[in-house]
Every structure is written in structure tokens, then in C-alpha cells.
Amino acid sequence: MQAEAFSSPIFVKRATYIVQEIASLADAIDFLDEWPEDRRDLIHDTALRVCYDDGRKPISAARDAFCEFAQRFGMLEDPTFAMQWIAACKSANQKA
């Protein structure tokens, strides 16, 4: 499987102060594979199946399916907000 990059990254909120960047097909598959089994549903299964369908569907289909999954679980983070937050963290770390 190729580690194809998405056209733009997806940001998901994993916890109160943890935002994860999903930038490629491999990132999406890793995230979906780690999702707790007791929380999996049809949307999760569909997203995972589309991601594993590498080569038969465009990469945009996998990205869209992952976005639907993240939105369903209320984890989809606004990219503008996420990028500002990441930049602020990097700036604070450089000053320390």
C-alpha cells in the first residue's frame, strides 16, 4: 500500500487538548484500525473499507469517507483553528 498524501490534511480532536493531523491514507488507516471495537459502526466500517480500497478508488474518496467518520463522532476539527493552535504551540516551544 502506498502512503498517498491527501490533498489537504484532516484534523481530528482526540481529546480535550489533543488534535491529530491525518495527512495521508496510511494515517487514516492507522487511526481507524486503532478505533475501539465497541465504538465501531457502519460509518467506521465504510471508511475503513474505502481506505483499504487503495488504487480502485481515488484518494479523494478515502479522504471524504474519513471526514464523514470524523464528523459522525464529533471529532472533525476546523483546519484554520487547528493550524493556528499548532503554530501557537510551536512558537511557545521555541521561546522556552
PDB file of N, CA and C in Angstrom:
ATOM      1  N   MET A   1       0.829  -1.175   0.000  1.00  0.00           N
ATOM      2  CA  MET A   1       0.000   0.000   0.000  1.00  0.00           C
ATOM      3  C   MET A   1       0.878   1.244   0.000  1.00  0.00           C
ATOM      4  N   GLN A   2       0.485   2.221  -0.794  1.00  0.00           N
ATOM      5  CA  GLN A   2       1.236   3.458  -0.861  1.00  0.00           C
ATOM      6  C   GLN A   2       0.771   4.404   0.235  1.00  0.00           C
ATOM      7  N   ALA A   3       1.675   5.235   0.701  1.00  0.00           N
ATOM      8  CA  ALA A   3       1.331   6.245   1.707  1.00  0.00           C
ATOM      9  C   ALA A   3       0.945   7.521   0.970  1.00  0.00           C
ATOM     10  N   GLU A   4      -0.175   7.469   0.247  1.00  0.00           N
ATOM     11  CA  GLU A   4      -0.605   8.602  -0.547  1.00  0.00           C
ATOM     12  C   GLU A   4      -1.070   9.741   0.351  1.00  0.00           C
ATOM     13  N   ALA A   5      -0.616  10.927   0.017  1.00  0.00           N
ATOM     14  CA  ALA A   5      -0.989  12.107   0.792  1.00  0.00           C
ATOM     15  C   ALA A   5      -2.348  12.617   0.334  1.00  0.00           C
ATOM     16  N   PHE A   6      -3.139  13.102   1.286  1.00  0.00           N
ATOM     17  CA  PHE A   6      -4.411  13.742   0.971  1.00  0.00           C
ATOM     18  C   PHE A   6      -4.135  15.114   0.368  1.00  0.00           C
ATOM     19  N   SER A   7      -5.085  15.651  -0.360  1.00  0.00           N
ATOM     20  CA  SER A   7      -4.928  16.978  -0.972  1.00  0.00           C
ATOM     21  C   SER A   7      -4.761  18.053   0.094  1.00  0.00           C
ATOM     22  N   SER A   8      -5.391  17.854   1.226  1.00  0.00           N
ATOM     23  CA  SER A   8      -5.198  18.722   2.389  1.00  0.00           C
ATOM     24  C   SER A   8      -5.425  17.865   3.628  1.00  0.00           C
ATOM     25  N   PRO A   9      -4.712  18.159   4.694  1.00  0.00           N
ATOM     26  CA  PRO A   9      -4.845  17.320   5.890  1.00  0.00           C
ATOM     27  C   PRO A   9      -6.201  17.481   6.558  1.00  0.00           C
ATOM     28  N   ILE A  10      -6.552  16.472   7.325  1.00  0.00           N
ATOM     29  CA  ILE A  10      -7.761  16.473   8.137  1.00  0.00           C
ATOM     30  C   ILE A  10      -7.284  16.531   9.582  1.00  0.00           C
ATOM     31  N   PHE A  11      -7.932  17.334  10.390  1.00  0.00           N
ATOM     32  CA  PHE A  11      -7.570  17.427  11.798  1.00  0.00           C
ATOM     33  C   PHE A  11      -8.701  16.865  12.632  1.00  0.00           C
ATOM     34  N   VAL A  12      -8.352  15.957  13.533  1.00  0.00           N
ATOM     35  CA  VAL A  12      -9.344  15.354  14.413  1.00  0.00           C
ATOM     36  C   VAL A  12      -8.957  15.603  15.868  1.00  0.00           C
ATOM     37  N   LYS A  13      -9.958  15.854  16.663  1.00  0.00           N
ATOM     38  CA  LYS A  13      -9.751  16.100  18.087  1.00  0.00           C
ATOM     39  C   LYS A  13      -9.867  14.768  18.815  1.00  0.00           C
ATOM     40  N   ARG A  14      -8.745  14.301  19.341  1.00  0.00           N
ATOM     41  CA  ARG A  14      -8.715  13.007  20.028  1.00  0.00           C
ATOM     42  C   ARG A  14      -9.104  13.129  21.499  1.00  0.00           C
ATOM     43  N   ALA A  15      -8.803  14.274  22.088  1.00  0.00           N
ATOM     44  CA  ALA A  15      -9.120  14.538  23.494  1.00  0.00           C
ATOM     45  C   ALA A  15      -9.189  16.053  23.648  1.00  0.00           C
ATOM     46  N   THR A  16      -9.420  16.517  24.862  1.00  0.00           N
ATOM     47  CA  THR A  16      -9.612  17.943  25.093  1.00  0.00           C
ATOM     48  C   THR A  16      -8.507  18.793  24.494  1.00  0.00           C
ATOM     49  N   TYR A  17      -7.265  18.423  24.700  1.00  0.00           N
ATOM     50  CA  TYR A  17      -6.153  19.224  24.202  1.00  0.00           C
ATOM     51  C   TYR A  17      -5.284  18.479  23.202  1.00  0.00           C
ATOM     52  N   ILE A  18      -5.839  17.487  22.547  1.00  0.00           N
ATOM     53  CA  ILE A  18      -5.060  16.700  21.589  1.00  0.00           C
ATOM     54  C   ILE A  18      -5.744  16.727  20.232  1.00  0.00           C
ATOM     55  N   VAL A  19      -5.076  17.340  19.268  1.00  0.00           N
ATOM     56  CA  VAL A  19      -5.551  17.381  17.886  1.00  0.00           C
ATOM     57  C   VAL A  19      -4.531  16.622  17.050  1.00  0.00           C
ATOM     58  N   GLN A  20      -5.023  15.695  16.248  1.00  0.00           N
ATOM     59  CA  GLN A  20      -4.142  14.872  15.418  1.00  0.00           C
ATOM     60  C   GLN A  20      -4.356  15.214  13.956  1.00  0.00           C
ATOM     61  N   GLU A  21      -3.250  15.324  13.235  1.00  0.00           N
ATOM     62  CA  GLU A  21      -3.305  15.575  11.797  1.00  0.00           C
ATOM     63  C   GLU A  21      -3.346  14.243  11.059  1.00  0.00           C
ATOM     64  N   ILE A  22      -4.318  14.113  10.166  1.00  0.00           N
ATOM     65  CA  ILE A  22      -4.425  12.944   9.297  1.00  0.00           C
ATOM     66  C   ILE A  22      -4.111  13.454   7.892  1.00  0.00           C
ATOM     67  N   ALA A  23      -2.901  13.192   7.424  1.00  0.00           N
ATOM     68  CA  ALA A  23      -2.429  13.782   6.171  1.00  0.00           C
ATOM     69  C   ALA A  23      -2.346  12.794   5.019  1.00  0.00           C
ATOM     70  N   SER A  24      -2.552  11.516   5.299  1.00  0.00           N
ATOM     71  CA  SER A  24      -2.385  10.527   4.231  1.00  0.00           C
ATOM     72  C   SER A  24      -3.307   9.340   4.455  1.00  0.00           C
ATOM     73  N   LEU A  25      -3.346   8.516   3.455  1.00  0.00           N
ATOM     74  CA  LEU A  25      -4.129   7.290   3.524  1.00  0.00           C
ATOM     75  C   LEU A  25      -3.639   6.407   4.671  1.00  0.00           C
ATOM     76  N   ALA A  26      -2.338   6.316   4.830  1.00  0.00           N
ATOM     77  CA  ALA A  26      -1.771   5.493   5.914  1.00  0.00           C
ATOM     78  C   ALA A  26      -2.185   6.035   7.283  1.00  0.00           C
ATOM     79  N   ASP A  27      -2.181   7.372   7.447  1.00  0.00           N
ATOM     80  CA  ASP A  27      -2.619   7.975   8.718  1.00  0.00           C
ATOM     81  C   ASP A  27      -4.067   7.614   9.015  1.00  0.00           C
ATOM     82  N   ALA A  28      -4.921   7.699   7.985  1.00  0.00           N
ATOM     83  CA  ALA A  28      -6.344   7.402   8.160  1.00  0.00           C
ATOM     84  C   ALA A  28      -6.548   5.942   8.554  1.00  0.00           C
ATOM     85  N   ILE A  29      -5.854   5.046   7.886  1.00  0.00           N
ATOM     86  CA  ILE A  29      -5.990   3.621   8.194  1.00  0.00           C
ATOM     87  C   ILE A  29      -5.510   3.331   9.614  1.00  0.00           C
ATOM     88  N   ASP A  30      -4.376   3.904  10.001  1.00  0.00           N
ATOM     89  CA  ASP A  30      -3.876   3.702  11.370  1.00  0.00           C
ATOM     90  C   ASP A  30      -4.901   4.179  12.397  1.00  0.00           C
ATOM     91  N   PHE A  31      -5.476   5.353  12.167  1.00  0.00           N
ATOM     92  CA  PHE A  31      -6.455   5.908  13.094  1.00  0.00           C
ATOM     93  C   PHE A  31      -7.680   4.995  13.182  1.00  0.00           C
ATOM     94  N   LEU A  32      -8.187   4.571  12.040  1.00  0.00           N
ATOM     95  CA  LEU A  32      -9.379   3.711  12.014  1.00  0.00           C
ATOM     96  C   LEU A  32      -9.101   2.340  12.626  1.00  0.00           C
ATOM     97  N   ASP A  33      -7.912   1.800  12.393  1.00  0.00           N
ATOM     98  CA  ASP A  33      -7.549   0.499  12.972  1.00  0.00           C
ATOM     99  C   ASP A  33      -7.461   0.563  14.497  1.00  0.00           C
ATOM    100  N   GLU A  34      -7.075   1.726  15.022  1.00  0.00           N
ATOM    101  CA  GLU A  34      -6.929   1.891  16.471  1.00  0.00           C
ATOM    102  C   GLU A  34      -8.252   2.246  17.165  1.00  0.00           C
ATOM    103  N   TRP A  35      -9.284   2.536  16.384  1.00  0.00           N
ATOM    104  CA  TRP A  35     -10.575   2.923  16.954  1.00  0.00           C
ATOM    105  C   TRP A  35     -11.136   1.764  17.786  1.00  0.00           C
ATOM    106  N   PRO A  36     -11.625   2.039  18.993  1.00  0.00           N
ATOM    107  CA  PRO A  36     -12.133   0.968  19.860  1.00  0.00           C
ATOM    108  C   PRO A  36     -13.237   0.149  19.187  1.00  0.00           C
ATOM    109  N   GLU A  37     -13.135  -1.149  19.303  1.00  0.00           N
ATOM    110  CA  GLU A  37     -14.100  -2.037  18.647  1.00  0.00           C
ATOM    111  C   GLU A  37     -15.524  -1.796  19.108  1.00  0.00           C
ATOM    112  N   ASP A  38     -15.716  -1.451  20.370  1.00  0.00           N
ATOM    113  CA  ASP A  38     -17.076  -1.244  20.874  1.00  0.00           C
ATOM    114  C   ASP A  38     -17.701   0.064  20.385  1.00  0.00           C
ATOM    115  N   ARG A  39     -16.925   0.910  19.715  1.00  0.00           N
ATOM    116  CA  ARG A  39     -17.446   2.170  19.174  1.00  0.00           C
ATOM    117  C   ARG A  39     -17.569   2.133  17.649  1.00  0.00           C
ATOM    118  N   ARG A  40     -17.202   1.028  17.051  1.00  0.00           N
ATOM    119  CA  ARG A  40     -17.259   0.918  15.593  1.00  0.00           C
ATOM    120  C   ARG A  40     -18.700   0.744  15.135  1.00  0.00           C
ATOM    121  N   ASP A  41     -18.980   1.334  13.977  1.00  0.00           N
ATOM    122  CA  ASP A  41     -20.315   1.225  13.401  1.00  0.00           C
ATOM    123  C   ASP A  41     -20.189   1.155  11.882  1.00  0.00           C
ATOM    124  N   LEU A  42     -21.301   1.298  11.183  1.00  0.00           N
ATOM    125  CA  LEU A  42     -21.310   1.190   9.729  1.00  0.00           C
ATOM    126  C   LEU A  42     -20.453   2.275   9.077  1.00  0.00           C
ATOM    127  N   ILE A  43     -20.474   3.482   9.627  1.00  0.00           N
ATOM    128  CA  ILE A  43     -19.674   4.569   9.051  1.00  0.00           C
ATOM    129  C   ILE A  43     -18.190   4.273   9.210  1.00  0.00           C
ATOM    130  N   HIS A  44     -17.789   3.758  10.369  1.00  0.00           N
ATOM    131  CA  HIS A  44     -16.391   3.364  10.577  1.00  0.00           C
ATOM    132  C   HIS A  44     -16.004   2.277   9.583  1.00  0.00           C
ATOM    133  N   ASP A  45     -16.834   1.250   9.483  1.00  0.00           N
ATOM    134  CA  ASP A  45     -16.533   0.136   8.587  1.00  0.00           C
ATOM    135  C   ASP A  45     -16.422   0.594   7.135  1.00  0.00           C
ATOM    136  N   THR A  46     -17.308   1.496   6.729  1.00  0.00           N
ATOM    137  CA  THR A  46     -17.279   2.010   5.364  1.00  0.00           C
ATOM    138  C   THR A  46     -16.007   2.812   5.114  1.00  0.00           C
ATOM    139  N   ALA A  47     -15.659   3.688   6.047  1.00  0.00           N
ATOM    140  CA  ALA A  47     -14.440   4.490   5.904  1.00  0.00           C
ATOM    141  C   ALA A  47     -13.214   3.591   5.800  1.00  0.00           C
ATOM    142  N   LEU A  48     -13.139   2.592   6.640  1.00  0.00           N
ATOM    143  CA  LEU A  48     -12.002   1.681   6.621  1.00  0.00           C
ATOM    144  C   LEU A  48     -11.939   0.907   5.295  1.00  0.00           C
ATOM    145  N   ARG A  49     -13.091   0.444   4.837  1.00  0.00           N
ATOM    146  CA  ARG A  49     -13.139  -0.310   3.573  1.00  0.00           C
ATOM    147  C   ARG A  49     -12.701   0.569   2.395  1.00  0.00           C
ATOM    148  N   VAL A  50     -13.165   1.823   2.365  1.00  0.00           N
ATOM    149  CA  VAL A  50     -12.780   2.737   1.282  1.00  0.00           C
ATOM    150  C   VAL A  50     -11.280   3.024   1.337  1.00  0.00           C
ATOM    151  N   CYS A  51     -10.741   3.198   2.544  1.00  0.00           N
ATOM    152  CA  CYS A  51      -9.305   3.454   2.682  1.00  0.00           C
ATOM    153  C   CYS A  51      -8.474   2.257   2.220  1.00  0.00           C
ATOM    154  N   TYR A  52      -8.939   1.060   2.524  1.00  0.00           N
ATOM    155  CA  TYR A  52      -8.215  -0.137   2.100  1.00  0.00           C
ATOM    156  C   TYR A  52      -8.397  -0.423   0.610  1.00  0.00           C
ATOM    157  N   ASP A  53      -9.312   0.275  -0.031  1.00  0.00           N
ATOM    158  CA  ASP A  53      -9.582   0.084  -1.451  1.00  0.00           C
ATOM    159  C   ASP A  53      -8.623   0.897  -2.310  1.00  0.00           C
ATOM    160  N   ASP A  54      -7.436   1.133  -1.776  1.00  0.00           N
ATOM    161  CA  ASP A  54      -6.386   1.925  -2.430  1.00  0.00           C
ATOM    162  C   ASP A  54      -6.150   1.440  -3.855  1.00  0.00           C
ATOM    163  N   GLY A  55      -6.212   2.381  -4.775  1.00  0.00           N
ATOM    164  CA  GLY A  55      -5.946   2.039  -6.166  1.00  0.00           C
ATOM    165  C   GLY A  55      -7.199   1.819  -6.988  1.00  0.00           C
ATOM    166  N   ARG A  56      -8.272   1.389  -6.361  1.00  0.00           N
ATOM    167  CA  ARG A  56      -9.509   1.166  -7.104  1.00  0.00           C
ATOM    168  C   ARG A  56     -10.443   2.364  -7.020  1.00  0.00           C
ATOM    169  N   LYS A  57     -10.212   3.217  -6.035  1.00  0.00           N
ATOM    170  CA  LYS A  57     -10.987   4.444  -5.884  1.00  0.00           C
ATOM    171  C   LYS A  57      -9.992   5.587  -5.747  1.00  0.00           C
ATOM    172  N   PRO A  58     -10.413   6.796  -6.141  1.00  0.00           N
ATOM    173  CA  PRO A  58      -9.489   7.927  -5.981  1.00  0.00           C
ATOM    174  C   PRO A  58      -9.202   8.204  -4.507  1.00  0.00           C
ATOM    175  N   ILE A  59      -8.042   8.776  -4.234  1.00  0.00           N
ATOM    176  CA  ILE A  59      -7.637   9.092  -2.869  1.00  0.00           C
ATOM    177  C   ILE A  59      -8.653  10.044  -2.223  1.00  0.00           C
ATOM    178  N   SER A  60      -9.302  10.866  -3.033  1.00  0.00           N
ATOM    179  CA  SER A  60     -10.302  11.802  -2.502  1.00  0.00           C
ATOM    180  C   SER A  60     -11.488  11.057  -1.893  1.00  0.00           C
ATOM    181  N   ALA A  61     -11.809   9.875  -2.394  1.00  0.00           N
ATOM    182  CA  ALA A  61     -12.906   9.092  -1.824  1.00  0.00           C
ATOM    183  C   ALA A  61     -12.560   8.634  -0.412  1.00  0.00           C
ATOM    184  N   ALA A  62     -11.317   8.232  -0.206  1.00  0.00           N
ATOM    185  CA  ALA A  62     -10.873   7.819   1.131  1.00  0.00           C
ATOM    186  C   ALA A  62     -10.881   9.013   2.076  1.00  0.00           C
ATOM    187  N   ARG A  63     -10.418  10.163   1.589  1.00  0.00           N
ATOM    188  CA  ARG A  63     -10.412  11.369   2.419  1.00  0.00           C
ATOM    189  C   ARG A  63     -11.837  11.745   2.817  1.00  0.00           C
ATOM    190  N   ASP A  64     -12.745  11.726   1.853  1.00  0.00           N
ATOM    191  CA  ASP A  64     -14.149  12.064   2.129  1.00  0.00           C
ATOM    192  C   ASP A  64     -14.775  11.092   3.127  1.00  0.00           C
ATOM    193  N   ALA A  65     -14.483   9.808   2.964  1.00  0.00           N
ATOM    194  CA  ALA A  65     -15.029   8.800   3.881  1.00  0.00           C
ATOM    195  C   ALA A  65     -14.490   9.009   5.291  1.00  0.00           C
ATOM    196  N   PHE A  66     -13.210   9.339   5.415  1.00  0.00           N
ATOM    197  CA  PHE A  66     -12.645   9.583   6.740  1.00  0.00           C
ATOM    198  C   PHE A  66     -13.263  10.833   7.361  1.00  0.00           C
ATOM    199  N   CYS A  67     -13.488  11.868   6.553  1.00  0.00           N
ATOM    200  CA  CYS A  67     -14.134  13.092   7.061  1.00  0.00           C
ATOM    201  C   CYS A  67     -15.537  12.786   7.591  1.00  0.00           C
ATOM    202  N   GLU A  68     -16.285  11.973   6.871  1.00  0.00           N
ATOM    203  CA  GLU A  68     -17.629  11.591   7.319  1.00  0.00           C
ATOM    204  C   GLU A  68     -17.562  10.859   8.663  1.00  0.00           C
ATOM    205  N   PHE A  69     -16.601   9.952   8.780  1.00  0.00           N
ATOM    206  CA  PHE A  69     -16.409   9.227  10.035  1.00  0.00           C
ATOM    207  C   PHE A  69     -16.096  10.198  11.172  1.00  0.00           C
ATOM    208  N   ALA A  70     -15.139  11.105  10.950  1.00  0.00           N
ATOM    209  CA  ALA A  70     -14.735  12.053  11.995  1.00  0.00           C
ATOM    210  C   ALA A  70     -15.884  12.984  12.368  1.00  0.00           C
ATOM    211  N   GLN A  71     -16.644  13.390  11.386  1.00  0.00           N
ATOM    212  CA  GLN A  71     -17.785  14.267  11.658  1.00  0.00           C
ATOM    213  C   GLN A  71     -18.853  13.526  12.457  1.00  0.00           C
ATOM    214  N   ARG A  72     -19.096  12.287  12.117  1.00  0.00           N
ATOM    215  CA  ARG A  72     -20.103  11.456  12.812  1.00  0.00           C
ATOM    216  C   ARG A  72     -19.809  11.367  14.302  1.00  0.00           C
ATOM    217  N   PHE A  73     -18.533  11.288  14.652  1.00  0.00           N
ATOM    218  CA  PHE A  73     -18.144  11.158  16.052  1.00  0.00           C
ATOM    219  C   PHE A  73     -17.764  12.492  16.694  1.00  0.00           C
ATOM    220  N   GLY A  74     -18.031  13.596  15.987  1.00  0.00           N
ATOM    221  CA  GLY A  74     -17.790  14.920  16.547  1.00  0.00           C
ATOM    222  C   GLY A  74     -16.324  15.241  16.756  1.00  0.00           C
ATOM    223  N   MET A  75     -15.462  14.653  15.951  1.00  0.00           N
ATOM    224  CA  MET A  75     -14.019  14.855  16.116  1.00  0.00           C
ATOM    225  C   MET A  75     -13.416  15.754  15.057  1.00  0.00           C
ATOM    226  N   LEU A  76     -14.175  16.092  14.026  1.00  0.00           N
ATOM    227  CA  LEU A  76     -13.638  16.879  12.929  1.00  0.00           C
ATOM    228  C   LEU A  76     -13.347  18.290  13.420  1.00  0.00           C
ATOM    229  N   GLU A  77     -12.111  18.697  13.278  1.00  0.00           N
ATOM    230  CA  GLU A  77     -11.653  19.998  13.765  1.00  0.00           C
ATOM    231  C   GLU A  77     -11.497  20.946  12.580  1.00  0.00           C
ATOM    232  N   ASP A  78     -11.846  22.198  12.773  1.00  0.00           N
ATOM    233  CA  ASP A  78     -11.687  23.214  11.738  1.00  0.00           C
ATOM    234  C   ASP A  78     -10.198  23.363  11.429  1.00  0.00           C
ATOM    235  N   PRO A  79      -9.798  23.186  10.158  1.00  0.00           N
ATOM    236  CA  PRO A  79      -8.363  23.256   9.824  1.00  0.00           C
ATOM    237  C   PRO A  79      -7.725  24.598  10.169  1.00  0.00           C
ATOM    238  N   THR A  80      -8.454  25.683  10.000  1.00  0.00           N
ATOM    239  CA  THR A  80      -7.901  27.001  10.312  1.00  0.00           C
ATOM    240  C   THR A  80      -7.575  27.105  11.794  1.00  0.00           C
ATOM    241  N   PHE A  81      -8.497  26.668  12.626  1.00  0.00           N
ATOM    242  CA  PHE A  81      -8.280  26.688  14.071  1.00  0.00           C
ATOM    243  C   PHE A  81      -7.116  25.770  14.447  1.00  0.00           C
ATOM    244  N   ALA A  82      -7.087  24.580  13.867  1.00  0.00           N
ATOM    245  CA  ALA A  82      -6.025  23.615  14.189  1.00  0.00           C
ATOM    246  C   ALA A  82      -4.656  24.153  13.804  1.00  0.00           C
ATOM    247  N   MET A  83      -4.544  24.778  12.638  1.00  0.00           N
ATOM    248  CA  MET A  83      -3.256  25.309  12.204  1.00  0.00           C
ATOM    249  C   MET A  83      -2.796  26.462  13.105  1.00  0.00           C
ATOM    250  N   GLN A  84      -3.728  27.311  13.536  1.00  0.00           N
ATOM    251  CA  GLN A  84      -3.381  28.400  14.452  1.00  0.00           C
ATOM    252  C   GLN A  84      -2.905  27.835  15.783  1.00  0.00           C
ATOM    253  N   TRP A  85      -3.571  26.793  16.254  1.00  0.00           N
ATOM    254  CA  TRP A  85      -3.215  26.164  17.528  1.00  0.00           C
ATOM    255  C   TRP A  85      -1.824  25.536  17.436  1.00  0.00           C
ATOM    256  N   ILE A  86      -1.546  24.852  16.324  1.00  0.00           N
ATOM    257  CA  ILE A  86      -0.237  24.218  16.126  1.00  0.00           C
ATOM    258  C   ILE A  86       0.857  25.283  16.062  1.00  0.00           C
ATOM    259  N   ALA A  87       0.593  26.370  15.334  1.00  0.00           N
ATOM    260  CA  ALA A  87       1.575  27.452  15.226  1.00  0.00           C
ATOM    261  C   ALA A  87       1.846  28.077  16.590  1.00  0.00           C
ATOM    262  N   ALA A  88       0.811  28.253  17.403  1.00  0.00           N
ATOM    263  CA  ALA A  88       0.980  28.822  18.734  1.00  0.00           C
ATOM    264  C   ALA A  88       1.810  27.902  19.617  1.00  0.00           C
ATOM    265  N   CYS A  89       1.588  26.604  19.520  1.00  0.00           N
ATOM    266  CA  CYS A  89       2.369  25.634  20.316  1.00  0.00           C
ATOM    267  C   CYS A  89       3.832  25.642  19.898  1.00  0.00           C
ATOM    268  N   LYS A  90       4.086  25.697  18.604  1.00  0.00           N
ATOM    269  CA  LYS A  90       5.472  25.726  18.126  1.00  0.00           C
ATOM    270  C   LYS A  90       6.162  27.003  18.583  1.00  0.00           C
ATOM    271  N   SER A  91       5.456  28.107  18.528  1.00  0.00           N
ATOM    272  CA  SER A  91       6.017  29.396  18.955  1.00  0.00           C
ATOM    273  C   SER A  91       6.363  29.363  20.447  1.00  0.00           C
ATOM    274  N   ALA A  92       5.472  28.804  21.251  1.00  0.00           N
ATOM    275  CA  ALA A  92       5.712  28.720  22.691  1.00  0.00           C
ATOM    276  C   ALA A  92       6.893  27.806  22.985  1.00  0.00           C
ATOM    277  N   ASN A  93       7.046  26.726  22.247  1.00  0.00           N
ATOM    278  CA  ASN A  93       8.163  25.801  22.448  1.00  0.00           C
ATOM    279  C   ASN A  93       9.492  26.419  22.052  1.00  0.00           C
ATOM    280  N   GLN A  94       9.486  27.270  21.042  1.00  0.00           N
ATOM    281  CA  GLN A  94      10.725  27.913  20.601  1.00  0.00           C
ATOM    282  C   GLN A  94      11.200  28.956  21.602  1.00  0.00           C
ATOM    283  N   LYS A  95      10.261  29.569  22.322  1.00  0.00           N
ATOM    284  CA  LYS A  95      10.608  30.583  23.314  1.00  0.00           C
ATOM    285  C   LYS A  95      11.153  29.947  24.589  1.00  0.00           C
ATOM    286  N   ALA A  96      10.756  28.710  24.833  1.00  0.00           N
ATOM    287  CA  ALA A  96      11.169  28.049  26.087  1.00  0.00           C
ATOM    288  C   ALA A  96      12.600  27.602  26.064  1.00  0.00           C
TER     289      ALA A  96
END
